[in-house]
Amino acid sequence: MNTYQNPQDLSKAKDLISLAPKEAQAFLALKTTAERAEGAIPEKYRELISIAVALTTQCAYCIDTHSKNAARAGATREEIAETVFIAAALRAGAAVGHGLLALRLFDETA
């Protein structure tokens, strides 16, 4: 296996949708609503938020899509870079937060 995630996998999207149509419809409705251009949060910022989430969830397809969408929405390379480090800091912060939970659970067991 050369790559774990492969862009050719996207060709299976129609199959996945047809195998669980109700769930897919609900997911696609949520996705469409979250990614709409009009709304209180401007499109560029929606895309930067999407990149940050994609980085923390490690979804290569989402990183691909939202990076391109952010560029089209007027994001700069500097904004992408800051988004990367904001996401990294929050991911690290979550590890510390979960570390506190681990310490408490350890103490409750010991």
PDB file of N, CA and C in Angstrom:
ATOM      1  N   MET A   1       0.848  -1.169   0.000  1.00  0.00           N
ATOM      2  CA  MET A   1       0.000   0.000   0.000  1.00  0.00           C
ATOM      3  C   MET A   1       0.894   1.232   0.000  1.00  0.00           C
ATOM      4  N   ASN A   2       0.799   2.032  -1.054  1.00  0.00           N
ATOM      5  CA  ASN A   2       1.621   3.224  -1.165  1.00  0.00           C
ATOM      6  C   ASN A   2       1.135   4.351  -0.268  1.00  0.00           C
ATOM      7  N   THR A   3      -0.167   4.551  -0.231  1.00  0.00           N
ATOM      8  CA  THR A   3      -0.723   5.609   0.597  1.00  0.00           C
ATOM      9  C   THR A   3      -1.954   5.081   1.314  1.00  0.00           C
ATOM     10  N   TYR A   4      -2.150   5.571   2.516  1.00  0.00           N
ATOM     11  CA  TYR A   4      -3.314   5.147   3.288  1.00  0.00           C
ATOM     12  C   TYR A   4      -4.568   5.833   2.744  1.00  0.00           C
ATOM     13  N   GLN A   5      -4.498   7.158   2.627  1.00  0.00           N
ATOM     14  CA  GLN A   5      -5.586   7.892   2.001  1.00  0.00           C
ATOM     15  C   GLN A   5      -5.182   8.175   0.562  1.00  0.00           C
ATOM     16  N   ASN A   6      -6.101   7.937  -0.351  1.00  0.00           N
ATOM     17  CA  ASN A   6      -5.807   8.085  -1.758  1.00  0.00           C
ATOM     18  C   ASN A   6      -6.955   8.854  -2.405  1.00  0.00           C
ATOM     19  N   PRO A   7      -6.662   9.891  -3.182  1.00  0.00           N
ATOM     20  CA  PRO A   7      -7.740  10.648  -3.828  1.00  0.00           C
ATOM     21  C   PRO A   7      -8.692   9.776  -4.646  1.00  0.00           C
ATOM     22  N   GLN A   8      -8.226   8.634  -5.119  1.00  0.00           N
ATOM     23  CA  GLN A   8      -9.094   7.734  -5.888  1.00  0.00           C
ATOM     24  C   GLN A   8     -10.209   7.155  -5.023  1.00  0.00           C
ATOM     25  N   ASP A   9     -10.011   7.175  -3.696  1.00  0.00           N
ATOM     26  CA  ASP A   9     -11.057   6.685  -2.800  1.00  0.00           C
ATOM     27  C   ASP A   9     -12.346   7.496  -2.940  1.00  0.00           C
ATOM     28  N   LEU A  10     -12.215   8.753  -3.344  1.00  0.00           N
ATOM     29  CA  LEU A  10     -13.394   9.605  -3.495  1.00  0.00           C
ATOM     30  C   LEU A  10     -14.369   9.054  -4.538  1.00  0.00           C
ATOM     31  N   SER A  11     -13.883   8.205  -5.414  1.00  0.00           N
ATOM     32  CA  SER A  11     -14.770   7.596  -6.420  1.00  0.00           C
ATOM     33  C   SER A  11     -15.785   6.656  -5.770  1.00  0.00           C
ATOM     34  N   LYS A  12     -15.564   6.294  -4.526  1.00  0.00           N
ATOM     35  CA  LYS A  12     -16.483   5.415  -3.805  1.00  0.00           C
ATOM     36  C   LYS A  12     -17.575   6.191  -3.068  1.00  0.00           C
ATOM     37  N   ALA A  13     -17.562   7.510  -3.162  1.00  0.00           N
ATOM     38  CA  ALA A  13     -18.528   8.338  -2.424  1.00  0.00           C
ATOM     39  C   ALA A  13     -19.970   7.989  -2.786  1.00  0.00           C
ATOM     40  N   LYS A  14     -20.258   7.805  -4.066  1.00  0.00           N
ATOM     41  CA  LYS A  14     -21.629   7.467  -4.474  1.00  0.00           C
ATOM     42  C   LYS A  14     -22.059   6.129  -3.884  1.00  0.00           C
ATOM     43  N   ASP A  15     -21.141   5.174  -3.846  1.00  0.00           N
ATOM     44  CA  ASP A  15     -21.454   3.880  -3.235  1.00  0.00           C
ATOM     45  C   ASP A  15     -21.784   4.054  -1.751  1.00  0.00           C
ATOM     46  N   LEU A  16     -20.960   4.809  -1.050  1.00  0.00           N
ATOM     47  CA  LEU A  16     -21.165   5.024   0.380  1.00  0.00           C
ATOM     48  C   LEU A  16     -22.518   5.678   0.629  1.00  0.00           C
ATOM     49  N   ILE A  17     -22.842   6.684  -0.161  1.00  0.00           N
ATOM     50  CA  ILE A  17     -24.121   7.387  -0.013  1.00  0.00           C
ATOM     51  C   ILE A  17     -25.288   6.447  -0.291  1.00  0.00           C
ATOM     52  N   SER A  18     -25.175   5.621  -1.324  1.00  0.00           N
ATOM     53  CA  SER A  18     -26.278   4.714  -1.669  1.00  0.00           C
ATOM     54  C   SER A  18     -26.460   3.611  -0.630  1.00  0.00           C
ATOM     55  N   LEU A  19     -25.421   3.278   0.093  1.00  0.00           N
ATOM     56  CA  LEU A  19     -25.507   2.223   1.112  1.00  0.00           C
ATOM     57  C   LEU A  19     -26.147   2.703   2.410  1.00  0.00           C
ATOM     58  N   ALA A  20     -26.139   3.996   2.645  1.00  0.00           N
ATOM     59  CA  ALA A  20     -26.758   4.569   3.850  1.00  0.00           C
ATOM     60  C   ALA A  20     -27.395   5.911   3.475  1.00  0.00           C
ATOM     61  N   PRO A  21     -28.439   5.894   2.657  1.00  0.00           N
ATOM     62  CA  PRO A  21     -28.977   7.139   2.102  1.00  0.00           C
ATOM     63  C   PRO A  21     -29.533   8.122   3.137  1.00  0.00           C
ATOM     64  N   LYS A  22     -30.218   7.646   4.159  1.00  0.00           N
ATOM     65  CA  LYS A  22     -30.776   8.574   5.159  1.00  0.00           C
ATOM     66  C   LYS A  22     -29.662   9.260   5.941  1.00  0.00           C
ATOM     67  N   GLU A  23     -28.685   8.482   6.356  1.00  0.00           N
ATOM     68  CA  GLU A  23     -27.561   9.044   7.096  1.00  0.00           C
ATOM     69  C   GLU A  23     -26.760  10.000   6.226  1.00  0.00           C
ATOM     70  N   ALA A  24     -26.565   9.617   4.974  1.00  0.00           N
ATOM     71  CA  ALA A  24     -25.822  10.471   4.042  1.00  0.00           C
ATOM     72  C   ALA A  24     -26.565  11.777   3.804  1.00  0.00           C
ATOM     73  N   GLN A  25     -27.880  11.705   3.648  1.00  0.00           N
ATOM     74  CA  GLN A  25     -28.675  12.914   3.431  1.00  0.00           C
ATOM     75  C   GLN A  25     -28.548  13.847   4.634  1.00  0.00           C
ATOM     76  N   ALA A  26     -28.604  13.304   5.824  1.00  0.00           N
ATOM     77  CA  ALA A  26     -28.470  14.131   7.029  1.00  0.00           C
ATOM     78  C   ALA A  26     -27.081  14.754   7.106  1.00  0.00           C
ATOM     79  N   PHE A  27     -26.055  13.968   6.826  1.00  0.00           N
ATOM     80  CA  PHE A  27     -24.686  14.477   6.842  1.00  0.00           C
ATOM     81  C   PHE A  27     -24.516  15.581   5.806  1.00  0.00           C
ATOM     82  N   LEU A  28     -24.983  15.338   4.595  1.00  0.00           N
ATOM     83  CA  LEU A  28     -24.813  16.326   3.525  1.00  0.00           C
ATOM     84  C   LEU A  28     -25.587  17.609   3.812  1.00  0.00           C
ATOM     85  N   ALA A  29     -26.746  17.501   4.458  1.00  0.00           N
ATOM     86  CA  ALA A  29     -27.506  18.698   4.831  1.00  0.00           C
ATOM     87  C   ALA A  29     -26.730  19.504   5.875  1.00  0.00           C
ATOM     88  N   LEU A  30     -26.157  18.828   6.851  1.00  0.00           N
ATOM     89  CA  LEU A  30     -25.356  19.517   7.867  1.00  0.00           C
ATOM     90  C   LEU A  30     -24.128  20.161   7.229  1.00  0.00           C
ATOM     91  N   LYS A  31     -23.447  19.420   6.363  1.00  0.00           N
ATOM     92  CA  LYS A  31     -22.254  19.922   5.683  1.00  0.00           C
ATOM     93  C   LYS A  31     -22.586  21.157   4.846  1.00  0.00           C
ATOM     94  N   THR A  32     -23.678  21.094   4.105  1.00  0.00           N
ATOM     95  CA  THR A  32     -24.099  22.222   3.270  1.00  0.00           C
ATOM     96  C   THR A  32     -24.404  23.446   4.123  1.00  0.00           C
ATOM     97  N   THR A  33     -25.081  23.238   5.230  1.00  0.00           N
ATOM     98  CA  THR A  33     -25.420  24.347   6.121  1.00  0.00           C
ATOM     99  C   THR A  33     -24.168  24.945   6.739  1.00  0.00           C
ATOM    100  N   ALA A  34     -23.277  24.104   7.209  1.00  0.00           N
ATOM    101  CA  ALA A  34     -22.051  24.593   7.853  1.00  0.00           C
ATOM    102  C   ALA A  34     -21.137  25.316   6.880  1.00  0.00           C
ATOM    103  N   GLU A  35     -21.162  24.931   5.616  1.00  0.00           N
ATOM    104  CA  GLU A  35     -20.242  25.497   4.634  1.00  0.00           C
ATOM    105  C   GLU A  35     -20.880  26.579   3.770  1.00  0.00           C
ATOM    106  N   ARG A  36     -22.056  27.057   4.148  1.00  0.00           N
ATOM    107  CA  ARG A  36     -22.726  28.070   3.327  1.00  0.00           C
ATOM    108  C   ARG A  36     -21.938  29.376   3.322  1.00  0.00           C
ATOM    109  N   ALA A  37     -22.054  30.098   2.243  1.00  0.00           N
ATOM    110  CA  ALA A  37     -21.316  31.360   2.092  1.00  0.00           C
ATOM    111  C   ALA A  37     -21.959  32.485   2.884  1.00  0.00           C
ATOM    112  N   GLU A  38     -23.290  32.486   2.966  1.00  0.00           N
ATOM    113  CA  GLU A  38     -23.958  33.545   3.716  1.00  0.00           C
ATOM    114  C   GLU A  38     -24.094  33.084   5.168  1.00  0.00           C
ATOM    115  N   GLY A  39     -24.065  33.992   6.059  1.00  0.00           N
ATOM    116  CA  GLY A  39     -24.164  33.670   7.477  1.00  0.00           C
ATOM    117  C   GLY A  39     -23.396  34.714   8.269  1.00  0.00           C
ATOM    118  N   ALA A  40     -23.484  34.623   9.564  1.00  0.00           N
ATOM    119  CA  ALA A  40     -22.816  35.601  10.424  1.00  0.00           C
ATOM    120  C   ALA A  40     -21.294  35.509  10.304  1.00  0.00           C
ATOM    121  N   ILE A  41     -20.785  34.312  10.068  1.00  0.00           N
ATOM    122  CA  ILE A  41     -19.339  34.120   9.909  1.00  0.00           C
ATOM    123  C   ILE A  41     -19.015  34.180   8.425  1.00  0.00           C
ATOM    124  N   PRO A  42     -18.160  35.108   8.000  1.00  0.00           N
ATOM    125  CA  PRO A  42     -17.810  35.209   6.578  1.00  0.00           C
ATOM    126  C   PRO A  42     -17.164  33.922   6.056  1.00  0.00           C
ATOM    127  N   GLU A  43     -17.333  33.699   4.763  1.00  0.00           N
ATOM    128  CA  GLU A  43     -16.857  32.462   4.128  1.00  0.00           C
ATOM    129  C   GLU A  43     -15.376  32.189   4.398  1.00  0.00           C
ATOM    130  N   LYS A  44     -14.539  33.215   4.301  1.00  0.00           N
ATOM    131  CA  LYS A  44     -13.101  33.002   4.516  1.00  0.00           C
ATOM    132  C   LYS A  44     -12.844  32.427   5.903  1.00  0.00           C
ATOM    133  N   TYR A  45     -13.529  32.956   6.895  1.00  0.00           N
ATOM    134  CA  TYR A  45     -13.312  32.477   8.257  1.00  0.00           C
ATOM    135  C   TYR A  45     -13.902  31.090   8.469  1.00  0.00           C
ATOM    136  N   ARG A  46     -15.012  30.803   7.801  1.00  0.00           N
ATOM    137  CA  ARG A  46     -15.559  29.447   7.859  1.00  0.00           C
ATOM    138  C   ARG A  46     -14.528  28.449   7.310  1.00  0.00           C
ATOM    139  N   GLU A  47     -13.854  28.838   6.236  1.00  0.00           N
ATOM    140  CA  GLU A  47     -12.862  27.942   5.639  1.00  0.00           C
ATOM    141  C   GLU A  47     -11.636  27.793   6.539  1.00  0.00           C
ATOM    142  N   LEU A  48     -11.208  28.884   7.177  1.00  0.00           N
ATOM    143  CA  LEU A  48     -10.074  28.786   8.096  1.00  0.00           C
ATOM    144  C   LEU A  48     -10.423  27.911   9.298  1.00  0.00           C
ATOM    145  N   ILE A  49     -11.638  28.054   9.805  1.00  0.00           N
ATOM    146  CA  ILE A  49     -12.092  27.181  10.898  1.00  0.00           C
ATOM    147  C   ILE A  49     -12.102  25.733  10.418  1.00  0.00           C
ATOM    148  N   SER A  50     -12.581  25.520   9.211  1.00  0.00           N
ATOM    149  CA  SER A  50     -12.631  24.163   8.655  1.00  0.00           C
ATOM    150  C   SER A  50     -11.240  23.570   8.516  1.00  0.00           C
ATOM    151  N   ILE A  51     -10.281  24.382   8.119  1.00  0.00           N
ATOM    152  CA  ILE A  51      -8.895  23.887   8.029  1.00  0.00           C
ATOM    153  C   ILE A  51      -8.397  23.492   9.415  1.00  0.00           C
ATOM    154  N   ALA A  52      -8.649  24.333  10.410  1.00  0.00           N
ATOM    155  CA  ALA A  52      -8.194  24.025  11.766  1.00  0.00           C
ATOM    156  C   ALA A  52      -8.789  22.706  12.257  1.00  0.00           C
ATOM    157  N   VAL A  53     -10.067  22.515  12.017  1.00  0.00           N
ATOM    158  CA  VAL A  53     -10.709  21.266  12.437  1.00  0.00           C
ATOM    159  C   VAL A  53     -10.137  20.097  11.647  1.00  0.00           C
ATOM    160  N   ALA A  54      -9.949  20.285  10.347  1.00  0.00           N
ATOM    161  CA  ALA A  54      -9.394  19.209   9.513  1.00  0.00           C
ATOM    162  C   ALA A  54      -7.991  18.821   9.972  1.00  0.00           C
ATOM    163  N   LEU A  55      -7.222  19.810  10.399  1.00  0.00           N
ATOM    164  CA  LEU A  55      -5.879  19.504  10.905  1.00  0.00           C
ATOM    165  C   LEU A  55      -5.947  18.695  12.187  1.00  0.00           C
ATOM    166  N   THR A  56      -6.878  19.041  13.070  1.00  0.00           N
ATOM    167  CA  THR A  56      -6.954  18.315  14.334  1.00  0.00           C
ATOM    168  C   THR A  56      -7.572  16.939  14.164  1.00  0.00           C
ATOM    169  N   THR A  57      -8.481  16.789  13.193  1.00  0.00           N
ATOM    170  CA  THR A  57      -9.058  15.466  12.944  1.00  0.00           C
ATOM    171  C   THR A  57      -8.222  14.661  11.950  1.00  0.00           C
ATOM    172  N   GLN A  58      -7.258  15.316  11.351  1.00  0.00           N
ATOM    173  CA  GLN A  58      -6.315  14.706  10.409  1.00  0.00           C
ATOM    174  C   GLN A  58      -7.004  14.103   9.188  1.00  0.00           C
ATOM    175  N   CYS A  59      -7.950  14.876   8.631  1.00  0.00           N
ATOM    176  CA  CYS A  59      -8.653  14.455   7.419  1.00  0.00           C
ATOM    177  C   CYS A  59      -7.981  15.091   6.209  1.00  0.00           C
ATOM    178  N   ALA A  60      -7.217  14.301   5.486  1.00  0.00           N
ATOM    179  CA  ALA A  60      -6.487  14.823   4.320  1.00  0.00           C
ATOM    180  C   ALA A  60      -7.436  15.375   3.260  1.00  0.00           C
ATOM    181  N   TYR A  61      -8.582  14.728   3.072  1.00  0.00           N
ATOM    182  CA  TYR A  61      -9.533  15.201   2.073  1.00  0.00           C
ATOM    183  C   TYR A  61     -10.077  16.573   2.461  1.00  0.00           C
ATOM    184  N   CYS A  62     -10.362  16.752   3.750  1.00  0.00           N
ATOM    185  CA  CYS A  62     -10.877  18.040   4.230  1.00  0.00           C
ATOM    186  C   CYS A  62      -9.808  19.125   4.133  1.00  0.00           C
ATOM    187  N   ILE A  63      -8.572  18.780   4.459  1.00  0.00           N
ATOM    188  CA  ILE A  63      -7.478  19.745   4.336  1.00  0.00           C
ATOM    189  C   ILE A  63      -7.362  20.199   2.886  1.00  0.00           C
ATOM    190  N   ASP A  64      -7.435  19.256   1.972  1.00  0.00           N
ATOM    191  CA  ASP A  64      -7.362  19.562   0.539  1.00  0.00           C
ATOM    192  C   ASP A  64      -8.490  20.503   0.129  1.00  0.00           C
ATOM    193  N   THR A  65      -9.711  20.114   0.394  1.00  0.00           N
ATOM    194  CA  THR A  65     -10.876  20.888  -0.018  1.00  0.00           C
ATOM    195  C   THR A  65     -10.892  22.280   0.606  1.00  0.00           C
ATOM    196  N   HIS A  66     -10.696  22.353   1.918  1.00  0.00           N
ATOM    197  CA  HIS A  66     -10.848  23.634   2.603  1.00  0.00           C
ATOM    198  C   HIS A  66      -9.662  24.568   2.381  1.00  0.00           C
ATOM    199  N   SER A  67      -8.491  24.030   2.111  1.00  0.00           N
ATOM    200  CA  SER A  67      -7.365  24.896   1.753  1.00  0.00           C
ATOM    201  C   SER A  67      -7.636  25.583   0.421  1.00  0.00           C
ATOM    202  N   LYS A  68      -8.152  24.829  -0.530  1.00  0.00           N
ATOM    203  CA  LYS A  68      -8.489  25.403  -1.838  1.00  0.00           C
ATOM    204  C   LYS A  68      -9.644  26.403  -1.711  1.00  0.00           C
ATOM    205  N   ASN A  69     -10.661  26.028  -0.913  1.00  0.00           N
ATOM    206  CA  ASN A  69     -11.787  26.944  -0.704  1.00  0.00           C
ATOM    207  C   ASN A  69     -11.329  28.226  -0.014  1.00  0.00           C
ATOM    208  N   ALA A  70     -10.409  28.113   0.948  1.00  0.00           N
ATOM    209  CA  ALA A  70      -9.903  29.294   1.661  1.00  0.00           C
ATOM    210  C   ALA A  70      -9.172  30.218   0.695  1.00  0.00           C
ATOM    211  N   ALA A  71      -8.393  29.647  -0.196  1.00  0.00           N
ATOM    212  CA  ALA A  71      -7.686  30.463  -1.187  1.00  0.00           C
ATOM    213  C   ALA A  71      -8.692  31.219  -2.061  1.00  0.00           C
ATOM    214  N   ARG A  72      -9.728  30.518  -2.513  1.00  0.00           N
ATOM    215  CA  ARG A  72     -10.750  31.161  -3.343  1.00  0.00           C
ATOM    216  C   ARG A  72     -11.532  32.220  -2.569  1.00  0.00           C
ATOM    217  N   ALA A  73     -11.630  32.037  -1.245  1.00  0.00           N
ATOM    218  CA  ALA A  73     -12.373  32.996  -0.408  1.00  0.00           C
ATOM    219  C   ALA A  73     -11.499  34.167   0.023  1.00  0.00           C
ATOM    220  N   GLY A  74     -10.231  34.179  -0.415  1.00  0.00           N
ATOM    221  CA  GLY A  74      -9.371  35.326  -0.135  1.00  0.00           C
ATOM    222  C   GLY A  74      -8.418  35.172   1.030  1.00  0.00           C
ATOM    223  N   ALA A  75      -8.294  33.975   1.583  1.00  0.00           N
ATOM    224  CA  ALA A  75      -7.338  33.761   2.673  1.00  0.00           C
ATOM    225  C   ALA A  75      -5.912  33.911   2.146  1.00  0.00           C
ATOM    226  N   THR A  76      -5.022  34.309   3.019  1.00  0.00           N
ATOM    227  CA  THR A  76      -3.616  34.464   2.652  1.00  0.00           C
ATOM    228  C   THR A  76      -2.798  33.285   3.183  1.00  0.00           C
ATOM    229  N   ARG A  77      -1.613  33.153   2.675  1.00  0.00           N
ATOM    230  CA  ARG A  77      -0.701  32.116   3.179  1.00  0.00           C
ATOM    231  C   ARG A  77      -0.411  32.345   4.655  1.00  0.00           C
ATOM    232  N   GLU A  78      -0.317  33.606   5.061  1.00  0.00           N
ATOM    233  CA  GLU A  78      -0.060  33.937   6.463  1.00  0.00           C
ATOM    234  C   GLU A  78      -1.224  33.485   7.344  1.00  0.00           C
ATOM    235  N   GLU A  79      -2.448  33.675   6.844  1.00  0.00           N
ATOM    236  CA  GLU A  79      -3.617  33.216   7.613  1.00  0.00           C
ATOM    237  C   GLU A  79      -3.638  31.698   7.729  1.00  0.00           C
ATOM    238  N   ILE A  80      -3.260  31.009   6.668  1.00  0.00           N
ATOM    239  CA  ILE A  80      -3.178  29.542   6.730  1.00  0.00           C
ATOM    240  C   ILE A  80      -2.135  29.135   7.765  1.00  0.00           C
ATOM    241  N   ALA A  81      -0.972  29.783   7.735  1.00  0.00           N
ATOM    242  CA  ALA A  81       0.093  29.447   8.693  1.00  0.00           C
ATOM    243  C   ALA A  81      -0.371  29.676  10.127  1.00  0.00           C
ATOM    244  N   GLU A  82      -1.016  30.811  10.386  1.00  0.00           N
ATOM    245  CA  GLU A  82      -1.512  31.067  11.744  1.00  0.00           C
ATOM    246  C   GLU A  82      -2.559  30.035  12.144  1.00  0.00           C
ATOM    247  N   THR A  83      -3.424  29.675  11.204  1.00  0.00           N
ATOM    248  CA  THR A  83      -4.432  28.653  11.480  1.00  0.00           C
ATOM    249  C   THR A  83      -3.783  27.341  11.881  1.00  0.00           C
ATOM    250  N   VAL A  84      -2.708  26.973  11.179  1.00  0.00           N
ATOM    251  CA  VAL A  84      -1.982  25.736  11.499  1.00  0.00           C
ATOM    252  C   VAL A  84      -1.506  25.760  12.953  1.00  0.00           C
ATOM    253  N   PHE A  85      -0.903  26.860  13.363  1.00  0.00           N
ATOM    254  CA  PHE A  85      -0.341  26.909  14.710  1.00  0.00           C
ATOM    255  C   PHE A  85      -1.405  27.085  15.782  1.00  0.00           C
ATOM    256  N   ILE A  86      -2.509  27.750  15.463  1.00  0.00           N
ATOM    257  CA  ILE A  86      -3.622  27.819  16.412  1.00  0.00           C
ATOM    258  C   ILE A  86      -4.183  26.415  16.638  1.00  0.00           C
ATOM    259  N   ALA A  87      -4.378  25.677  15.545  1.00  0.00           N
ATOM    260  CA  ALA A  87      -4.880  24.306  15.669  1.00  0.00           C
ATOM    261  C   ALA A  87      -3.903  23.438  16.457  1.00  0.00           C
ATOM    262  N   ALA A  88      -2.616  23.609  16.203  1.00  0.00           N
ATOM    263  CA  ALA A  88      -1.607  22.822  16.923  1.00  0.00           C
ATOM    264  C   ALA A  88      -1.635  23.130  18.417  1.00  0.00           C
ATOM    265  N   ALA A  89      -1.777  24.411  18.756  1.00  0.00           N
ATOM    266  CA  ALA A  89      -1.807  24.801  20.170  1.00  0.00           C
ATOM    267  C   ALA A  89      -3.040  24.229  20.857  1.00  0.00           C
ATOM    268  N   LEU A  90      -4.188  24.281  20.172  1.00  0.00           N
ATOM    269  CA  LEU A  90      -5.398  23.742  20.773  1.00  0.00           C
ATOM    270  C   LEU A  90      -5.327  22.228  20.906  1.00  0.00           C
ATOM    271  N   ARG A  91      -4.734  21.586  19.918  1.00  0.00           N
ATOM    272  CA  ARG A  91      -4.574  20.122  19.997  1.00  0.00           C
ATOM    273  C   ARG A  91      -3.670  19.761  21.172  1.00  0.00           C
ATOM    274  N   ALA A  92      -2.602  20.528  21.343  1.00  0.00           N
ATOM    275  CA  ALA A  92      -1.698  20.285  22.470  1.00  0.00           C
ATOM    276  C   ALA A  92      -2.407  20.589  23.786  1.00  0.00           C
ATOM    277  N   GLY A  93      -3.192  21.659  23.809  1.00  0.00           N
ATOM    278  CA  GLY A  93      -3.944  21.996  25.009  1.00  0.00           C
ATOM    279  C   GLY A  93      -4.924  20.905  25.385  1.00  0.00           C
ATOM    280  N   ALA A  94      -5.549  20.303  24.389  1.00  0.00           N
ATOM    281  CA  ALA A  94      -6.473  19.202  24.655  1.00  0.00           C
ATOM    282  C   ALA A  94      -5.732  18.011  25.257  1.00  0.00           C
ATOM    283  N   ALA A  95      -4.512  17.770  24.804  1.00  0.00           N
ATOM    284  CA  ALA A  95      -3.722  16.680  25.376  1.00  0.00           C
ATOM    285  C   ALA A  95      -3.441  16.939  26.853  1.00  0.00           C
ATOM    286  N   VAL A  96      -3.141  18.191  27.183  1.00  0.00           N
ATOM    287  CA  VAL A  96      -2.908  18.542  28.590  1.00  0.00           C
ATOM    288  C   VAL A  96      -4.202  18.365  29.385  1.00  0.00           C
ATOM    289  N   GLY A  97      -5.317  18.830  28.834  1.00  0.00           N
ATOM    290  CA  GLY A  97      -6.600  18.661  29.507  1.00  0.00           C
ATOM    291  C   GLY A  97      -6.929  17.198  29.752  1.00  0.00           C
ATOM    292  N   HIS A  98      -6.691  16.367  28.759  1.00  0.00           N
ATOM    293  CA  HIS A  98      -6.913  14.934  28.935  1.00  0.00           C
ATOM    294  C   HIS A  98      -5.887  14.338  29.896  1.00  0.00           C
ATOM    295  N   GLY A  99      -4.710  14.955  29.933  1.00  0.00           N
ATOM    296  CA  GLY A  99      -3.708  14.521  30.903  1.00  0.00           C
ATOM    297  C   GLY A  99      -4.184  14.734  32.332  1.00  0.00           C
ATOM    298  N   LEU A 100      -4.893  15.839  32.563  1.00  0.00           N
ATOM    299  CA  LEU A 100      -5.465  16.089  33.889  1.00  0.00           C
ATOM    300  C   LEU A 100      -6.480  15.013  34.248  1.00  0.00           C
ATOM    301  N   LEU A 101      -7.298  14.629  33.252  1.00  0.00           N
ATOM    302  CA  LEU A 101      -8.252  13.546  33.459  1.00  0.00           C
ATOM    303  C   LEU A 101      -7.520  12.248  33.779  1.00  0.00           C
ATOM    304  N   ALA A 102      -6.476  11.945  33.013  1.00  0.00           N
ATOM    305  CA  ALA A 102      -5.708  10.716  33.254  1.00  0.00           C
ATOM    306  C   ALA A 102      -5.114  10.710  34.662  1.00  0.00           C
ATOM    307  N   LEU A 103      -4.598  11.852  35.102  1.00  0.00           N
ATOM    308  CA  LEU A 103      -4.009  11.938  36.436  1.00  0.00           C
ATOM    309  C   LEU A 103      -5.076  11.713  37.508  1.00  0.00           C
ATOM    310  N   ARG A 104      -6.253  12.332  37.330  1.00  0.00           N
ATOM    311  CA  ARG A 104      -7.337  12.132  38.303  1.00  0.00           C
ATOM    312  C   ARG A 104      -7.769  10.680  38.344  1.00  0.00           C
ATOM    313  N   LEU A 105      -7.942  10.053  37.174  1.00  0.00           N
ATOM    314  CA  LEU A 105      -8.352   8.656  37.132  1.00  0.00           C
ATOM    315  C   LEU A 105      -7.299   7.746  37.754  1.00  0.00           C
ATOM    316  N   PHE A 106      -6.042   8.069  37.513  1.00  0.00           N
ATOM    317  CA  PHE A 106      -4.958   7.316  38.145  1.00  0.00           C
ATOM    318  C   PHE A 106      -5.046   7.445  39.662  1.00  0.00           C
ATOM    319  N   ASP A 107      -5.201   8.687  40.142  1.00  0.00           N
ATOM    320  CA  ASP A 107      -5.259   8.926  41.581  1.00  0.00           C
ATOM    321  C   ASP A 107      -6.447   8.229  42.223  1.00  0.00           C
ATOM    322  N   GLU A 108      -7.573   8.153  41.503  1.00  0.00           N
ATOM    323  CA  GLU A 108      -8.754   7.468  42.033  1.00  0.00           C
ATOM    324  C   GLU A 108      -8.538   5.963  42.137  1.00  0.00           C
ATOM    325  N   THR A 109      -7.663   5.429  41.299  1.00  0.00           N
ATOM    326  CA  THR A 109      -7.395   3.998  41.280  1.00  0.00           C
ATOM    327  C   THR A 109      -6.326   3.601  42.276  1.00  0.00           C
ATOM    328  N   ALA A 110      -5.352   4.499  42.461  1.00  0.00           N
ATOM    329  CA  ALA A 110      -4.200   4.163  43.305  1.00  0.00           C
ATOM    330  C   ALA A 110      -4.542   4.162  44.776  1.00  0.00           C
TER     331      ALA A 110
END
